[in-house]
Amino acid sequence: MNNLLSGLEDLGLGGLDDMEVYGDVETKAKKPVKPEAEKQEKTEDEYLFDKTYNCPVCNEEFKTSTVRTGKAKLIGTDSDLRPRYQGVDPLKYDAIVCPRCGYAALSRFFTTMTSAQSKLVMEQISQKFHATIKTDGVFTYDDAILHHRLSLASAVVKRSKVSERAYICLKTAWLLRGKQEECEKEAEKKELFAQEQEFLKTAYDGFNEATTKEDYPICGMDEMTMLCLLADLARRIGKYDEAGRLISKILTSRNASERIKNKAREIKELITSEV
């Protein structure tokens, strides 16, 4: 599990790489439509704008690249809920990093901070942080993965909910998968897959624990959606018996919608093809 926080050494945070993730740490007129052959695809930067944030730890105001709402076209979803978009991957821009103090979090959690948590981040991250972090322009997958690792470190340090840590791990796994899809070298793809598996396992463990300690919705997911996610995560990491148990629970539940049941049936078919 130690490698989940690797890559932060150059930021001055090398001492965090042995932390346990779930342990406590101290409208205009229409233009003529061009023929398909003449249409030009948007470049990634055309989907972006600079959004202003105020850091809840150091009070620094800063701007960071964000995907314009409604501009990215959803073209599909992986079985573990990873969304796929055309032209840009919004997942790369979801981790917000303060370039002054190093505090980082997913956008939905960035401003959620108590004074005690702020003190922990200041003491264990900000005082050691010394790096130039990319916060504008187009992010590469490497940029995004680093931002998410830093978000995970902040979540561990501030003792956030288990579900927040699990959600960061899940999104980091999705980014690693996105990088694999762009990669052409088999050896590198193999290493990226191994890292993805580690993050998926940690996400599975965290969400599993969260279902016993936290009230729904958990990270915006109701119980049946969470069970469906857990079933697919279990499948992806080789826990086929557990995946089957969760699928059976969904298919026999009166609370599960037909959409969720169909999703569960799709995961069941994947298990059958793999076992």
C-alpha atoms as a PDB file:
ATOM      1  CA  MET A   1       0.000   0.000   0.000  1.00  0.00           C
ATOM      2  CA  ASN A   2       2.983   2.269   0.515  1.00  0.00           C
ATOM      3  CA  ASN A   3       3.293   3.132  -3.168  1.00  0.00           C
ATOM      4  CA  LEU A   4      -0.102   4.858  -3.216  1.00  0.00           C
ATOM      5  CA  LEU A   5       1.584   8.028  -1.994  1.00  0.00           C
ATOM      6  CA  SER A   6       4.811   7.632  -3.934  1.00  0.00           C
ATOM      7  CA  GLY A   7       5.904  10.461  -6.197  1.00  0.00           C
ATOM      8  CA  LEU A   8       5.500  13.150  -3.543  1.00  0.00           C
ATOM      9  CA  GLU A   9       9.184  13.162  -2.592  1.00  0.00           C
ATOM     10  CA  ASP A  10      10.056  16.036  -4.949  1.00  0.00           C
ATOM     11  CA  LEU A  11       7.388  18.135  -3.240  1.00  0.00           C
ATOM     12  CA  GLY A  12       9.150  17.800   0.102  1.00  0.00           C
ATOM     13  CA  LEU A  13       6.659  15.210   1.325  1.00  0.00           C
ATOM     14  CA  GLY A  14       8.724  12.039   1.111  1.00  0.00           C
ATOM     15  CA  GLY A  15       7.994  11.241   4.754  1.00  0.00           C
ATOM     16  CA  LEU A  16       4.341  10.629   3.940  1.00  0.00           C
ATOM     17  CA  ASP A  17       4.902   7.617   1.681  1.00  0.00           C
ATOM     18  CA  ASP A  18       4.660   5.076   4.493  1.00  0.00           C
ATOM     19  CA  MET A  19       1.351   6.315   5.894  1.00  0.00           C
ATOM     20  CA  GLU A  20      -1.601   3.956   6.014  1.00  0.00           C
ATOM     21  CA  VAL A  21      -4.463   5.350   3.938  1.00  0.00           C
ATOM     22  CA  TYR A  22      -7.115   4.271   6.406  1.00  0.00           C
ATOM     23  CA  GLY A  23      -5.042   4.843   9.522  1.00  0.00           C
ATOM     24  CA  ASP A  24      -5.016   8.073  11.494  1.00  0.00           C
ATOM     25  CA  VAL A  25      -2.099  10.439  11.251  1.00  0.00           C
ATOM     26  CA  GLU A  26      -1.102  12.781  13.521  1.00  0.00           C
ATOM     27  CA  THR A  27     -26.827  31.323 -28.273  1.00  0.00           C
ATOM     28  CA  LYS A  28     -25.953  33.009 -31.651  1.00  0.00           C
ATOM     29  CA  ALA A  29     -27.222  32.694 -35.211  1.00  0.00           C
ATOM     30  CA  LYS A  30     -26.365  29.356 -36.600  1.00  0.00           C
ATOM     31  CA  LYS A  31     -23.403  29.165 -38.920  1.00  0.00           C
ATOM     32  CA  PRO A  32     -23.538  26.946 -41.982  1.00  0.00           C
ATOM     33  CA  VAL A  33     -22.729  23.392 -41.019  1.00  0.00           C
ATOM     34  CA  LYS A  34     -19.453  22.230 -42.487  1.00  0.00           C
ATOM     35  CA  PRO A  35     -19.164  18.837 -44.103  1.00  0.00           C
ATOM     36  CA  GLU A  36     -17.861  16.210 -41.690  1.00  0.00           C
ATOM     37  CA  ALA A  37     -14.462  16.122 -43.394  1.00  0.00           C
ATOM     38  CA  GLU A  38     -14.009  19.866 -42.778  1.00  0.00           C
ATOM     39  CA  LYS A  39     -15.037  19.878 -39.125  1.00  0.00           C
ATOM     40  CA  GLN A  40     -12.207  20.438 -36.696  1.00  0.00           C
ATOM     41  CA  GLU A  41     -12.195  18.797 -33.290  1.00  0.00           C
ATOM     42  CA  LYS A  42     -11.764  21.049 -30.308  1.00  0.00           C
ATOM     43  CA  THR A  43      -8.402  21.046 -28.625  1.00  0.00           C
ATOM     44  CA  GLU A  44      -8.427  20.206 -24.937  1.00  0.00           C
ATOM     45  CA  ASP A  45      -7.659  23.755 -23.808  1.00  0.00           C
ATOM     46  CA  GLU A  46     -10.889  24.961 -25.472  1.00  0.00           C
ATOM     47  CA  TYR A  47     -12.842  23.006 -22.862  1.00  0.00           C
ATOM     48  CA  LEU A  48     -11.064  24.743 -19.978  1.00  0.00           C
ATOM     49  CA  PHE A  49     -11.279  27.959 -17.995  1.00  0.00           C
ATOM     50  CA  ASP A  50      -9.515  29.257 -14.897  1.00  0.00           C
ATOM     51  CA  LYS A  51     -11.628  28.961 -11.758  1.00  0.00           C
ATOM     52  CA  THR A  52     -10.737  30.870  -8.600  1.00  0.00           C
ATOM     53  CA  TYR A  53     -10.472  29.103  -5.256  1.00  0.00           C
ATOM     54  CA  ASN A  54      -9.631  30.270  -1.749  1.00  0.00           C
ATOM     55  CA  CYS A  55      -7.505  27.801   0.192  1.00  0.00           C
ATOM     56  CA  PRO A  56      -9.121  26.854   3.533  1.00  0.00           C
ATOM     57  CA  VAL A  57      -5.684  26.165   5.020  1.00  0.00           C
ATOM     58  CA  CYS A  58      -3.556  29.208   4.119  1.00  0.00           C
ATOM     59  CA  ASN A  59      -6.287  31.562   2.768  1.00  0.00           C
ATOM     60  CA  GLU A  60      -4.368  31.968  -0.498  1.00  0.00           C
ATOM     61  CA  GLU A  61      -6.526  32.869  -3.511  1.00  0.00           C
ATOM     62  CA  PHE A  62      -5.469  31.030  -6.641  1.00  0.00           C
ATOM     63  CA  LYS A  63      -6.761  29.890 -10.015  1.00  0.00           C
ATOM     64  CA  THR A  64      -6.713  26.432 -11.501  1.00  0.00           C
ATOM     65  CA  SER A  65      -7.870  24.850 -14.753  1.00  0.00           C
ATOM     66  CA  THR A  66     -11.432  23.528 -14.722  1.00  0.00           C
ATOM     67  CA  VAL A  67     -13.601  21.951 -17.412  1.00  0.00           C
ATOM     68  CA  ARG A  68     -16.496  24.168 -18.524  1.00  0.00           C
ATOM     69  CA  THR A  69     -19.828  22.762 -17.365  1.00  0.00           C
ATOM     70  CA  GLY A  70     -21.744  21.032 -20.136  1.00  0.00           C
ATOM     71  CA  LYS A  71     -18.960  21.308 -22.690  1.00  0.00           C
ATOM     72  CA  ALA A  72     -17.615  17.773 -22.410  1.00  0.00           C
ATOM     73  CA  LYS A  73     -19.735  15.132 -24.164  1.00  0.00           C
ATOM     74  CA  LEU A  74     -20.244  11.889 -22.251  1.00  0.00           C
ATOM     75  CA  ILE A  75     -19.748   8.931 -24.568  1.00  0.00           C
ATOM     76  CA  GLY A  76     -19.886   6.031 -22.130  1.00  0.00           C
ATOM     77  CA  THR A  77     -19.245   4.649 -18.658  1.00  0.00           C
ATOM     78  CA  ASP A  78     -17.021   1.798 -17.525  1.00  0.00           C
ATOM     79  CA  SER A  79     -18.487  -0.942 -15.343  1.00  0.00           C
ATOM     80  CA  ASP A  80     -16.949   0.678 -12.235  1.00  0.00           C
ATOM     81  CA  LEU A  81     -18.676   4.010 -13.049  1.00  0.00           C
ATOM     82  CA  ARG A  82     -15.670   5.686 -14.663  1.00  0.00           C
ATOM     83  CA  PRO A  83     -17.120   8.237 -17.130  1.00  0.00           C
ATOM     84  CA  ARG A  84     -15.631   8.597 -20.620  1.00  0.00           C
ATOM     85  CA  TYR A  85     -15.845  11.893 -22.483  1.00  0.00           C
ATOM     86  CA  GLN A  86     -15.044  13.071 -25.987  1.00  0.00           C
ATOM     87  CA  GLY A  87     -12.269  15.619 -26.409  1.00  0.00           C
ATOM     88  CA  VAL A  88     -11.265  15.950 -22.776  1.00  0.00           C
ATOM     89  CA  ASP A  89     -11.070  13.833 -19.633  1.00  0.00           C
ATOM     90  CA  PRO A  90     -12.600  15.975 -16.844  1.00  0.00           C
ATOM     91  CA  LEU A  91     -11.225  13.520 -14.292  1.00  0.00           C
ATOM     92  CA  LYS A  92      -7.800  15.123 -14.785  1.00  0.00           C
ATOM     93  CA  TYR A  93      -9.076  18.422 -13.395  1.00  0.00           C
ATOM     94  CA  ASP A  94     -10.981  17.230 -10.326  1.00  0.00           C
ATOM     95  CA  ALA A  95      -8.174  17.428  -7.765  1.00  0.00           C
ATOM     96  CA  ILE A  96      -7.612  21.004  -6.596  1.00  0.00           C
ATOM     97  CA  VAL A  97      -4.133  21.874  -5.306  1.00  0.00           C
ATOM     98  CA  CYS A  98      -3.157  25.062  -3.503  1.00  0.00           C
ATOM     99  CA  PRO A  99       0.179  26.081  -5.055  1.00  0.00           C
ATOM    100  CA  ARG A 100       1.236  27.906  -1.895  1.00  0.00           C
ATOM    101  CA  CYS A 101       0.745  25.408   0.920  1.00  0.00           C
ATOM    102  CA  GLY A 102       0.275  22.081  -0.896  1.00  0.00           C
ATOM    103  CA  TYR A 103      -3.181  21.317   0.476  1.00  0.00           C
ATOM    104  CA  ALA A 104      -5.143  19.292  -2.075  1.00  0.00           C
ATOM    105  CA  ALA A 105      -8.558  17.678  -2.319  1.00  0.00           C
ATOM    106  CA  LEU A 106     -11.158  16.597  -4.820  1.00  0.00           C
ATOM    107  CA  SER A 107     -13.343  19.563  -5.797  1.00  0.00           C
ATOM    108  CA  ARG A 108     -16.368  18.282  -3.860  1.00  0.00           C
ATOM    109  CA  PHE A 109     -14.318  18.135  -0.651  1.00  0.00           C
ATOM    110  CA  PHE A 110     -11.907  21.075  -1.088  1.00  0.00           C
ATOM    111  CA  THR A 111     -13.653  23.622   1.141  1.00  0.00           C
ATOM    112  CA  THR A 112     -14.773  21.091   3.759  1.00  0.00           C
ATOM    113  CA  MET A 113     -12.268  21.784   6.502  1.00  0.00           C
ATOM    114  CA  THR A 114     -12.375  22.191  10.278  1.00  0.00           C
ATOM    115  CA  SER A 115      -9.829  24.302  12.145  1.00  0.00           C
ATOM    116  CA  ALA A 116      -8.317  21.123  13.624  1.00  0.00           C
ATOM    117  CA  GLN A 117      -7.921  19.598  10.154  1.00  0.00           C
ATOM    118  CA  SER A 118      -6.392  22.814   8.841  1.00  0.00           C
ATOM    119  CA  LYS A 119      -3.820  22.708  11.633  1.00  0.00           C
ATOM    120  CA  LEU A 120      -2.910  19.103  10.817  1.00  0.00           C
ATOM    121  CA  VAL A 121      -2.415  19.913   7.136  1.00  0.00           C
ATOM    122  CA  MET A 122      -0.356  22.992   7.964  1.00  0.00           C
ATOM    123  CA  GLU A 123       1.901  21.046  10.311  1.00  0.00           C
ATOM    124  CA  GLN A 124       2.369  17.871   8.288  1.00  0.00           C
ATOM    125  CA  ILE A 125       2.188  19.092   4.688  1.00  0.00           C
ATOM    126  CA  SER A 126       2.430  22.879   4.335  1.00  0.00           C
ATOM    127  CA  GLN A 127       5.540  23.312   6.479  1.00  0.00           C
ATOM    128  CA  LYS A 128       7.379  20.720   4.364  1.00  0.00           C
ATOM    129  CA  PHE A 129       5.921  21.602   0.957  1.00  0.00           C
ATOM    130  CA  HIS A 130       8.369  23.149  -1.505  1.00  0.00           C
ATOM    131  CA  ALA A 131       7.447  22.735  -5.149  1.00  0.00           C
ATOM    132  CA  THR A 132       5.973  24.377  -8.184  1.00  0.00           C
ATOM    133  CA  ILE A 133       2.672  22.688  -8.939  1.00  0.00           C
ATOM    134  CA  LYS A 134       1.020  23.022 -12.339  1.00  0.00           C
ATOM    135  CA  THR A 135      -2.391  24.646 -11.820  1.00  0.00           C
ATOM    136  CA  ASP A 136      -3.167  26.144 -15.232  1.00  0.00           C
ATOM    137  CA  GLY A 137      -3.336  25.023 -18.844  1.00  0.00           C
ATOM    138  CA  VAL A 138      -3.821  21.461 -20.029  1.00  0.00           C
ATOM    139  CA  PHE A 139      -2.971  18.762 -17.490  1.00  0.00           C
ATOM    140  CA  THR A 140      -1.302  15.539 -18.546  1.00  0.00           C
ATOM    141  CA  TYR A 141      -2.287  12.283 -16.875  1.00  0.00           C
ATOM    142  CA  ASP A 142       0.968  12.487 -14.924  1.00  0.00           C
ATOM    143  CA  ASP A 143      -0.016  15.950 -13.639  1.00  0.00           C
ATOM    144  CA  ALA A 144      -3.435  14.676 -12.649  1.00  0.00           C
ATOM    145  CA  ILE A 145      -2.134  11.544 -10.936  1.00  0.00           C
ATOM    146  CA  LEU A 146       0.307  13.639  -8.899  1.00  0.00           C
ATOM    147  CA  HIS A 147      -2.512  16.005  -7.879  1.00  0.00           C
ATOM    148  CA  HIS A 148      -4.618  13.044  -6.772  1.00  0.00           C
ATOM    149  CA  ARG A 149      -1.766  11.472  -4.793  1.00  0.00           C
ATOM    150  CA  LEU A 150      -1.328  14.803  -3.039  1.00  0.00           C
ATOM    151  CA  SER A 151      -5.082  14.870  -2.367  1.00  0.00           C
ATOM    152  CA  LEU A 152      -4.831  11.418  -0.824  1.00  0.00           C
ATOM    153  CA  ALA A 153      -1.979  12.558   1.404  1.00  0.00           C
ATOM    154  CA  SER A 154      -4.039  15.558   2.560  1.00  0.00           C
ATOM    155  CA  ALA A 155      -7.067  13.348   3.206  1.00  0.00           C
ATOM    156  CA  VAL A 156      -5.016  10.973   5.351  1.00  0.00           C
ATOM    157  CA  VAL A 157      -3.344  13.792   7.269  1.00  0.00           C
ATOM    158  CA  LYS A 158      -6.594  15.632   8.016  1.00  0.00           C
ATOM    159  CA  ARG A 159      -8.246  12.350   9.042  1.00  0.00           C
ATOM    160  CA  SER A 160     -11.069  12.677   6.531  1.00  0.00           C
ATOM    161  CA  LYS A 161     -13.900  10.179   6.208  1.00  0.00           C
ATOM    162  CA  VAL A 162     -12.884   6.770   4.923  1.00  0.00           C
ATOM    163  CA  SER A 163     -15.199   7.269   1.944  1.00  0.00           C
ATOM    164  CA  GLU A 164     -13.298  10.395   0.854  1.00  0.00           C
ATOM    165  CA  ARG A 165     -10.016   8.500   0.860  1.00  0.00           C
ATOM    166  CA  ALA A 166     -11.621   5.603  -1.044  1.00  0.00           C
ATOM    167  CA  TYR A 167     -13.090   7.977  -3.627  1.00  0.00           C
ATOM    168  CA  ILE A 168      -9.676   9.533  -4.266  1.00  0.00           C
ATOM    169  CA  CYS A 169      -8.202   6.053  -4.731  1.00  0.00           C
ATOM    170  CA  LEU A 170     -10.983   5.132  -7.166  1.00  0.00           C
ATOM    171  CA  LYS A 171     -10.462   8.282  -9.240  1.00  0.00           C
ATOM    172  CA  THR A 172      -6.695   7.777  -9.251  1.00  0.00           C
ATOM    173  CA  ALA A 173      -7.254   4.256 -10.592  1.00  0.00           C
ATOM    174  CA  TRP A 174      -9.423   5.739 -13.354  1.00  0.00           C
ATOM    175  CA  LEU A 175      -6.627   8.166 -14.282  1.00  0.00           C
ATOM    176  CA  LEU A 176      -4.098   5.352 -14.413  1.00  0.00           C
ATOM    177  CA  ARG A 177      -6.471   3.498 -16.741  1.00  0.00           C
ATOM    178  CA  GLY A 178      -6.743   6.597 -18.924  1.00  0.00           C
ATOM    179  CA  LYS A 179      -2.981   6.826 -19.132  1.00  0.00           C
ATOM    180  CA  GLN A 180      -2.791   3.145 -20.101  1.00  0.00           C
ATOM    181  CA  GLU A 181      -5.172   3.802 -22.985  1.00  0.00           C
ATOM    182  CA  GLU A 182      -2.754   6.415 -24.339  1.00  0.00           C
ATOM    183  CA  CYS A 183       0.355   4.342 -23.710  1.00  0.00           C
ATOM    184  CA  GLU A 184       2.027   2.367 -26.501  1.00  0.00           C
ATOM    185  CA  LYS A 185       4.782   0.609 -24.543  1.00  0.00           C
ATOM    186  CA  GLU A 186       3.696  -2.766 -23.191  1.00  0.00           C
ATOM    187  CA  ALA A 187       6.085  -2.716 -20.223  1.00  0.00           C
ATOM    188  CA  GLU A 188       4.788   0.676 -19.125  1.00  0.00           C
ATOM    189  CA  LYS A 189       1.176  -0.412 -19.600  1.00  0.00           C
ATOM    190  CA  LYS A 190       1.834  -3.429 -17.397  1.00  0.00           C
ATOM    191  CA  GLU A 191       3.246  -1.237 -14.633  1.00  0.00           C
ATOM    192  CA  LEU A 192       0.336   1.201 -14.900  1.00  0.00           C
ATOM    193  CA  PHE A 193      -2.121  -1.692 -14.670  1.00  0.00           C
ATOM    194  CA  ALA A 194      -0.411  -2.933 -11.514  1.00  0.00           C
ATOM    195  CA  GLN A 195      -0.721   0.547  -9.981  1.00  0.00           C
ATOM    196  CA  GLU A 196      -4.371   0.729 -11.026  1.00  0.00           C
ATOM    197  CA  GLN A 197      -5.037  -2.596  -9.313  1.00  0.00           C
ATOM    198  CA  GLU A 198      -3.463  -1.335  -6.087  1.00  0.00           C
ATOM    199  CA  PHE A 199      -5.656   1.753  -6.063  1.00  0.00           C
ATOM    200  CA  LEU A 200      -8.764  -0.276  -6.934  1.00  0.00           C
ATOM    201  CA  LYS A 201      -8.080  -2.663  -4.052  1.00  0.00           C
ATOM    202  CA  THR A 202      -7.623   0.221  -1.646  1.00  0.00           C
ATOM    203  CA  ALA A 203     -10.816   1.866  -2.934  1.00  0.00           C
ATOM    204  CA  TYR A 204     -12.694  -1.415  -2.455  1.00  0.00           C
ATOM    205  CA  ASP A 205     -11.436  -1.815   1.105  1.00  0.00           C
ATOM    206  CA  GLY A 206     -12.303   1.794   1.956  1.00  0.00           C
ATOM    207  CA  PHE A 207     -15.801   1.793   0.497  1.00  0.00           C
ATOM    208  CA  ASN A 208     -16.464  -1.548   2.174  1.00  0.00           C
ATOM    209  CA  GLU A 209     -15.521  -0.025   5.518  1.00  0.00           C
ATOM    210  CA  ALA A 210     -17.492   3.151   4.809  1.00  0.00           C
ATOM    211  CA  THR A 211     -20.720   1.167   4.316  1.00  0.00           C
ATOM    212  CA  THR A 212     -20.467   0.039   7.944  1.00  0.00           C
ATOM    213  CA  LYS A 213     -19.619   3.455   9.413  1.00  0.00           C
ATOM    214  CA  GLU A 214     -21.232   6.147   7.256  1.00  0.00           C
ATOM    215  CA  ASP A 215     -24.781   7.067   6.304  1.00  0.00           C
ATOM    216  CA  TYR A 216     -25.980   7.145   2.720  1.00  0.00           C
ATOM    217  CA  PRO A 217     -25.524   8.811   0.351  1.00  0.00           C
ATOM    218  CA  ILE A 218     -21.804   8.050   0.382  1.00  0.00           C
ATOM    219  CA  CYS A 219     -19.893  10.271  -2.048  1.00  0.00           C
ATOM    220  CA  GLY A 220     -23.218  10.932  -3.773  1.00  0.00           C
ATOM    221  CA  MET A 221     -24.078   7.228  -4.117  1.00  0.00           C
ATOM    222  CA  ASP A 222     -27.129   5.488  -2.668  1.00  0.00           C
ATOM    223  CA  GLU A 223     -26.894   1.987  -1.208  1.00  0.00           C
ATOM    224  CA  MET A 224     -27.665   0.049  -4.394  1.00  0.00           C
ATOM    225  CA  THR A 225     -25.265   2.108  -6.495  1.00  0.00           C
ATOM    226  CA  MET A 226     -22.565   1.533  -3.891  1.00  0.00           C
ATOM    227  CA  LEU A 227     -23.215  -2.216  -3.836  1.00  0.00           C
ATOM    228  CA  CYS A 228     -22.988  -2.289  -7.628  1.00  0.00           C
ATOM    229  CA  LEU A 229     -19.696  -0.403  -7.525  1.00  0.00           C
ATOM    230  CA  LEU A 230     -18.329  -2.727  -4.851  1.00  0.00           C
ATOM    231  CA  ALA A 231     -19.365  -5.755  -6.921  1.00  0.00           C
ATOM    232  CA  ASP A 232     -17.418  -4.538  -9.928  1.00  0.00           C
ATOM    233  CA  LEU A 233     -14.396  -3.510  -7.865  1.00  0.00           C
ATOM    234  CA  ALA A 234     -14.408  -6.982  -6.307  1.00  0.00           C
ATOM    235  CA  ARG A 235     -14.501  -8.477  -9.806  1.00  0.00           C
ATOM    236  CA  ARG A 236     -11.633  -6.323 -11.014  1.00  0.00           C
ATOM    237  CA  ILE A 237      -9.375  -7.344  -8.129  1.00  0.00           C
ATOM    238  CA  GLY A 238     -10.238 -11.042  -8.360  1.00  0.00           C
ATOM    239  CA  LYS A 239     -12.696 -11.365  -5.467  1.00  0.00           C
ATOM    240  CA  TYR A 240     -15.235 -13.215  -7.587  1.00  0.00           C
ATOM    241  CA  ASP A 241     -17.120 -14.889  -4.726  1.00  0.00           C
ATOM    242  CA  GLU A 242     -17.683 -11.548  -3.033  1.00  0.00           C
ATOM    243  CA  ALA A 243     -18.672  -9.946  -6.331  1.00  0.00           C
ATOM    244  CA  GLY A 244     -21.239 -12.708  -6.871  1.00  0.00           C
ATOM    245  CA  ARG A 245     -22.645 -12.277  -3.367  1.00  0.00           C
ATOM    246  CA  LEU A 246     -23.120  -8.544  -3.884  1.00  0.00           C
ATOM    247  CA  ILE A 247     -24.762  -9.056  -7.272  1.00  0.00           C
ATOM    248  CA  SER A 248     -27.227 -11.553  -5.782  1.00  0.00           C
ATOM    249  CA  LYS A 249     -28.058  -9.025  -3.068  1.00  0.00           C
ATOM    250  CA  ILE A 250     -28.841  -6.371  -5.688  1.00  0.00           C
ATOM    251  CA  LEU A 251     -30.899  -8.683  -7.913  1.00  0.00           C
ATOM    252  CA  THR A 252     -33.090  -9.813  -4.987  1.00  0.00           C
ATOM    253  CA  SER A 253     -33.517  -6.339  -3.478  1.00  0.00           C
ATOM    254  CA  ARG A 254     -36.855  -4.553  -3.704  1.00  0.00           C
ATOM    255  CA  ASN A 255     -35.024  -1.232  -3.417  1.00  0.00           C
ATOM    256  CA  ALA A 256     -32.878  -1.707  -6.501  1.00  0.00           C
ATOM    257  CA  SER A 257     -34.096   0.027  -9.654  1.00  0.00           C
ATOM    258  CA  GLU A 258     -34.274  -1.864 -12.940  1.00  0.00           C
ATOM    259  CA  ARG A 259     -31.349   0.230 -14.184  1.00  0.00           C
ATOM    260  CA  ILE A 260     -29.160  -0.925 -11.292  1.00  0.00           C
ATOM    261  CA  LYS A 261     -30.294  -4.532 -11.708  1.00  0.00           C
ATOM    262  CA  ASN A 262     -29.376  -4.416 -15.392  1.00  0.00           C
ATOM    263  CA  LYS A 263     -25.984  -3.053 -14.409  1.00  0.00           C
ATOM    264  CA  ALA A 264     -25.567  -5.932 -11.951  1.00  0.00           C
ATOM    265  CA  ARG A 265     -26.491  -8.438 -14.663  1.00  0.00           C
ATOM    266  CA  GLU A 266     -23.817  -6.946 -16.932  1.00  0.00           C
ATOM    267  CA  ILE A 267     -21.208  -7.381 -14.183  1.00  0.00           C
ATOM    268  CA  LYS A 268     -22.402 -10.950 -13.643  1.00  0.00           C
ATOM    269  CA  GLU A 269     -21.825 -11.668 -17.354  1.00  0.00           C
ATOM    270  CA  LEU A 270     -18.311 -10.244 -17.070  1.00  0.00           C
ATOM    271  CA  ILE A 271     -17.580 -12.544 -14.129  1.00  0.00           C
ATOM    272  CA  THR A 272     -18.860 -15.556 -16.070  1.00  0.00           C
ATOM    273  CA  SER A 273     -16.574 -14.706 -18.989  1.00  0.00           C
ATOM    274  CA  GLU A 274     -13.550 -14.345 -16.693  1.00  0.00           C
ATOM    275  CA  VAL A 275     -13.874 -17.276 -14.296  1.00  0.00           C
END
